[in-house]
C-alpha atoms as a PDB file:
ATOM      1  CA  UNK A   1       0.000   0.000   0.000  1.00  0.00           C
ATOM      2  CA  UNK A   2       1.437   3.383  -1.002  1.00  0.00           C
ATOM      3  CA  UNK A   3       1.687   6.341   1.356  1.00  0.00           C
ATOM      4  CA  UNK A   4      -1.032   8.140  -0.617  1.00  0.00           C
ATOM      5  CA  UNK A   5      -3.319   5.086  -0.364  1.00  0.00           C
ATOM      6  CA  UNK A   6      -2.750   4.954   3.387  1.00  0.00           C
ATOM      7  CA  UNK A   7      -3.565   8.653   3.692  1.00  0.00           C
ATOM      8  CA  UNK A   8      -6.755   8.220   1.662  1.00  0.00           C
ATOM      9  CA  UNK A   9      -7.791   5.220   3.766  1.00  0.00           C
ATOM     10  CA  UNK A  10      -7.127   7.204   6.943  1.00  0.00           C
ATOM     11  CA  UNK A  11      -8.978  10.229   5.576  1.00  0.00           C
ATOM     12  CA  UNK A  12     -12.032   8.216   4.579  1.00  0.00           C
ATOM     13  CA  UNK A  13     -12.005   6.246   7.832  1.00  0.00           C
ATOM     14  CA  UNK A  14     -11.896   9.522   9.744  1.00  0.00           C
ATOM     15  CA  UNK A  15     -14.608  11.003   7.526  1.00  0.00           C
ATOM     16  CA  UNK A  16     -16.789   7.916   7.985  1.00  0.00           C
ATOM     17  CA  UNK A  17     -16.397   7.932  11.779  1.00  0.00           C
ATOM     18  CA  UNK A  18     -17.065  11.680  11.896  1.00  0.00           C
ATOM     19  CA  UNK A  19     -20.123  11.200   9.689  1.00  0.00           C
ATOM     20  CA  UNK A  20     -21.393   8.340  11.810  1.00  0.00           C
ATOM     21  CA  UNK A  21     -20.843  10.314  15.008  1.00  0.00           C
ATOM     22  CA  UNK A  22     -22.784  13.259  13.616  1.00  0.00           C
ATOM     23  CA  UNK A  23     -25.540  10.988  12.375  1.00  0.00           C
ATOM     24  CA  UNK A  24     -25.815   9.260  15.760  1.00  0.00           C
ATOM     25  CA  UNK A  25     -26.156  12.651  17.423  1.00  0.00           C
ATOM     26  CA  UNK A  26     -29.193  13.353  15.230  1.00  0.00           C
ATOM     27  CA  UNK A  27     -30.923  10.308  16.655  1.00  0.00           C
ATOM     28  CA  UNK A  28     -30.354   6.929  15.099  1.00  0.00           C
ATOM     29  CA  UNK A  29     -33.177   5.155  16.902  1.00  0.00           C
ATOM     30  CA  UNK A  30     -36.016   7.249  15.512  1.00  0.00           C
ATOM     31  CA  UNK A  31     -37.523   6.471  12.119  1.00  0.00           C
ATOM     32  CA  UNK A  32     -38.016   9.633  10.113  1.00  0.00           C
ATOM     33  CA  UNK A  33     -40.924   9.794   7.668  1.00  0.00           C
ATOM     34  CA  UNK A  34     -39.443  12.968   6.171  1.00  0.00           C
ATOM     35  CA  UNK A  35     -36.704  10.931   4.464  1.00  0.00           C
ATOM     36  CA  UNK A  36     -36.465   9.209   1.116  1.00  0.00           C
ATOM     37  CA  UNK A  37     -33.900   6.924  -0.475  1.00  0.00           C
ATOM     38  CA  UNK A  38     -31.222   8.702  -2.523  1.00  0.00           C
ATOM     39  CA  UNK A  39     -28.669   6.876  -4.652  1.00  0.00           C
ATOM     40  CA  UNK A  40     -26.672   7.691  -7.738  1.00  0.00           C
ATOM     41  CA  UNK A  41     -23.324   7.840  -9.443  1.00  0.00           C
ATOM     42  CA  UNK A  42     -20.615  10.488  -9.655  1.00  0.00           C
ATOM     43  CA  UNK A  43     -18.449  10.585 -12.765  1.00  0.00           C
ATOM     44  CA  UNK A  44     -15.565  12.831 -13.750  1.00  0.00           C
ATOM     45  CA  UNK A  45     -15.021  13.107 -17.519  1.00  0.00           C
ATOM     46  CA  UNK A  46     -17.063   9.933 -18.006  1.00  0.00           C
ATOM     47  CA  UNK A  47     -15.111   7.846 -15.475  1.00  0.00           C
ATOM     48  CA  UNK A  48     -16.409   6.733 -12.055  1.00  0.00           C
ATOM     49  CA  UNK A  49     -15.137   9.005  -9.275  1.00  0.00           C
ATOM     50  CA  UNK A  50     -14.367   6.858  -6.200  1.00  0.00           C
ATOM     51  CA  UNK A  51     -13.784   8.063  -2.613  1.00  0.00           C
ATOM     52  CA  UNK A  52     -15.921  11.145  -3.126  1.00  0.00           C
ATOM     53  CA  UNK A  53     -18.036  12.707  -0.383  1.00  0.00           C
ATOM     54  CA  UNK A  54     -21.596  13.760  -1.334  1.00  0.00           C
ATOM     55  CA  UNK A  55     -23.563  16.027   1.016  1.00  0.00           C
ATOM     56  CA  UNK A  56     -27.282  16.824   0.770  1.00  0.00           C
ATOM     57  CA  UNK A  57     -28.209  19.818   2.917  1.00  0.00           C
ATOM     58  CA  UNK A  58     -31.894  20.867   3.130  1.00  0.00           C
ATOM     59  CA  UNK A  59     -32.488  24.461   2.039  1.00  0.00           C
ATOM     60  CA  UNK A  60     -35.653  24.826   4.132  1.00  0.00           C
ATOM     61  CA  UNK A  61     -36.036  25.321   7.851  1.00  0.00           C
ATOM     62  CA  UNK A  62     -36.440  21.606   8.595  1.00  0.00           C
ATOM     63  CA  UNK A  63     -34.332  18.537   7.979  1.00  0.00           C
ATOM     64  CA  UNK A  64     -30.710  17.647   8.566  1.00  0.00           C
ATOM     65  CA  UNK A  65     -27.678  16.972   6.421  1.00  0.00           C
ATOM     66  CA  UNK A  66     -27.212  13.538   4.861  1.00  0.00           C
ATOM     67  CA  UNK A  67     -23.917  12.248   3.520  1.00  0.00           C
ATOM     68  CA  UNK A  68     -22.580   9.471   1.338  1.00  0.00           C
ATOM     69  CA  UNK A  69     -19.231   8.286  -0.006  1.00  0.00           C
ATOM     70  CA  UNK A  70     -18.779   6.848  -3.479  1.00  0.00           C
ATOM     71  CA  UNK A  71     -17.427   3.343  -3.942  1.00  0.00           C
ATOM     72  CA  UNK A  72     -14.868   2.264  -6.562  1.00  0.00           C
ATOM     73  CA  UNK A  73     -17.602   2.402  -9.239  1.00  0.00           C
ATOM     74  CA  UNK A  74     -18.629   5.957  -8.303  1.00  0.00           C
ATOM     75  CA  UNK A  75     -21.924   4.788  -6.735  1.00  0.00           C
ATOM     76  CA  UNK A  76     -23.259   6.347  -3.553  1.00  0.00           C
ATOM     77  CA  UNK A  77     -26.165   5.980  -1.135  1.00  0.00           C
ATOM     78  CA  UNK A  78     -27.103   8.779   1.237  1.00  0.00           C
ATOM     79  CA  UNK A  79     -27.150   8.182   5.010  1.00  0.00           C
ATOM     80  CA  UNK A  80     -29.166  10.290   7.411  1.00  0.00           C
ATOM     81  CA  UNK A  81     -27.981   8.469  10.526  1.00  0.00           C
ATOM     82  CA  UNK A  82     -25.803   5.463  11.185  1.00  0.00           C
ATOM     83  CA  UNK A  83     -28.819   3.176  10.880  1.00  0.00           C
ATOM     84  CA  UNK A  84     -31.063   5.241   8.604  1.00  0.00           C
ATOM     85  CA  UNK A  85     -30.544   5.595   4.888  1.00  0.00           C
ATOM     86  CA  UNK A  86     -31.924   8.542   2.993  1.00  0.00           C
ATOM     87  CA  UNK A  87     -32.011  12.300   2.705  1.00  0.00           C
ATOM     88  CA  UNK A  88     -34.510  14.939   3.804  1.00  0.00           C
ATOM     89  CA  UNK A  89     -37.514  15.478   1.548  1.00  0.00           C
ATOM     90  CA  UNK A  90     -37.619  18.721  -0.392  1.00  0.00           C
ATOM     91  CA  UNK A  91     -34.962  20.893  -1.931  1.00  0.00           C
ATOM     92  CA  UNK A  92     -31.358  20.118  -0.949  1.00  0.00           C
ATOM     93  CA  UNK A  93     -28.105  21.901  -1.693  1.00  0.00           C
ATOM     94  CA  UNK A  94     -25.608  19.306  -2.987  1.00  0.00           C
ATOM     95  CA  UNK A  95     -21.879  19.462  -2.349  1.00  0.00           C
ATOM     96  CA  UNK A  96     -19.387  17.027  -3.906  1.00  0.00           C
ATOM     97  CA  UNK A  97     -15.719  16.841  -2.890  1.00  0.00           C
ATOM     98  CA  UNK A  98     -12.694  14.575  -3.216  1.00  0.00           C
ATOM     99  CA  UNK A  99     -10.541  16.515  -0.761  1.00  0.00           C
ATOM    100  CA  UNK A 100     -10.465  17.062   2.970  1.00  0.00           C
ATOM    101  CA  UNK A 101      -8.946  20.314   4.210  1.00  0.00           C
ATOM    102  CA  UNK A 102      -5.581  19.877   5.856  1.00  0.00           C
ATOM    103  CA  UNK A 103      -4.759  16.447   4.379  1.00  0.00           C
ATOM    104  CA  UNK A 104      -1.517  16.581   2.388  1.00  0.00           C
ATOM    105  CA  UNK A 105      -1.422  14.722  -0.909  1.00  0.00           C
ATOM    106  CA  UNK A 106      -5.209  14.611  -1.438  1.00  0.00           C
ATOM    107  CA  UNK A 107      -6.044  16.603  -4.559  1.00  0.00           C
ATOM    108  CA  UNK A 108      -9.392  18.239  -5.105  1.00  0.00           C
ATOM    109  CA  UNK A 109     -10.656  16.893  -8.441  1.00  0.00           C
ATOM    110  CA  UNK A 110     -14.119  18.472  -8.263  1.00  0.00           C
ATOM    111  CA  UNK A 111     -14.612  22.125  -9.242  1.00  0.00           C
ATOM    112  CA  UNK A 112     -15.498  24.592  -6.477  1.00  0.00           C
ATOM    113  CA  UNK A 113     -18.907  25.162  -8.104  1.00  0.00           C
ATOM    114  CA  UNK A 114     -19.817  21.630  -6.927  1.00  0.00           C
ATOM    115  CA  UNK A 115     -18.510  22.008  -3.358  1.00  0.00           C
ATOM    116  CA  UNK A 116     -17.344  25.221  -1.629  1.00  0.00           C
ATOM    117  CA  UNK A 117     -19.248  27.430  -4.111  1.00  0.00           C
ATOM    118  CA  UNK A 118     -22.052  24.989  -4.890  1.00  0.00           C
ATOM    119  CA  UNK A 119     -25.469  26.167  -5.999  1.00  0.00           C
ATOM    120  CA  UNK A 120     -26.360  22.649  -7.183  1.00  0.00           C
ATOM    121  CA  UNK A 121     -29.898  21.817  -6.042  1.00  0.00           C
ATOM    122  CA  UNK A 122     -31.843  18.569  -6.111  1.00  0.00           C
ATOM    123  CA  UNK A 123     -35.416  17.952  -4.924  1.00  0.00           C
ATOM    124  CA  UNK A 124     -35.840  14.741  -2.925  1.00  0.00           C
ATOM    125  CA  UNK A 125     -39.310  13.267  -3.445  1.00  0.00           C
ATOM    126  CA  UNK A 126     -41.018  10.508  -1.405  1.00  0.00           C
ATOM    127  CA  UNK A 127     -39.890   7.061  -2.568  1.00  0.00           C
ATOM    128  CA  UNK A 128     -36.678   6.207  -4.381  1.00  0.00           C
ATOM    129  CA  UNK A 129     -34.584   9.007  -5.875  1.00  0.00           C
ATOM    130  CA  UNK A 130     -31.594   8.644  -8.175  1.00  0.00           C
ATOM    131  CA  UNK A 131     -29.284  11.582  -8.886  1.00  0.00           C
ATOM    132  CA  UNK A 132     -26.285  11.081 -11.142  1.00  0.00           C
ATOM    133  CA  UNK A 133     -23.627  13.779 -11.357  1.00  0.00           C
ATOM    134  CA  UNK A 134     -21.439  14.099 -14.452  1.00  0.00           C
ATOM    135  CA  UNK A 135     -18.576  16.520 -13.912  1.00  0.00           C
ATOM    136  CA  UNK A 136     -16.635  17.547 -17.014  1.00  0.00           C
ATOM    137  CA  UNK A 137     -13.214  19.160 -16.850  1.00  0.00           C
ATOM    138  CA  UNK A 138     -11.862  20.010 -20.313  1.00  0.00           C
ATOM    139  CA  UNK A 139      -8.158  19.527 -20.972  1.00  0.00           C
ATOM    140  CA  UNK A 140      -6.346  22.722 -19.949  1.00  0.00           C
ATOM    141  CA  UNK A 141      -9.209  23.923 -17.732  1.00  0.00           C
ATOM    142  CA  UNK A 142      -8.799  24.368 -14.023  1.00  0.00           C
ATOM    143  CA  UNK A 143     -11.411  22.993 -11.656  1.00  0.00           C
ATOM    144  CA  UNK A 144     -12.799  26.545 -11.298  1.00  0.00           C
ATOM    145  CA  UNK A 145     -13.561  26.919 -15.056  1.00  0.00           C
ATOM    146  CA  UNK A 146     -15.843  23.947 -15.578  1.00  0.00           C
ATOM    147  CA  UNK A 147     -19.134  23.751 -17.469  1.00  0.00           C
ATOM    148  CA  UNK A 148     -22.154  22.340 -15.616  1.00  0.00           C
ATOM    149  CA  UNK A 149     -23.411  19.373 -17.660  1.00  0.00           C
ATOM    150  CA  UNK A 150     -25.775  18.162 -14.912  1.00  0.00           C
ATOM    151  CA  UNK A 151     -29.444  17.775 -15.631  1.00  0.00           C
END
C-alpha cells in the first residue's frame, strides 16, 4: 500500500467515523418519515469518481444533512444516521468533494462550483430518488472553469 493510499484510507475512515458520530447525534433510533432513499453515481469526464463525499443539505427550515461516499464504481447511497438511509424530503443543496482540508497529498478533483461554491440543487421526493452527477473538466481547464453538464 502506497503512502497516498494509506492517507486516503485514513482520511475516509476519519470522515466515515465523523459522519457516523454526527448521524448518531441526530438520533439513530427514531424512524423519520421525512426521508427518502437517494442513490446515484458520480463521474468525472465519463469515469467513475471513487472516494468522493456527497452532502445533501436541506435548504428549508427543517431537515438535517445527509452524507454518502462513493465506492470504486462511483456509486453512492445517502445516510441520514448510522442506521437510517436517505435524505430529507424537499430541496437540498448538494456538495461534492474529493478533498479534505488539511490532508496533504489529497487533490481536489471536483470544481469549487460543486462544493465550496455549490449552488447545485436537487429535490428529494417521497420514494426512491436517483441523482447522477457528471462533472466535465476540459483539458487545460482548471477545476474553477468547468461547465455544468448536470441535468
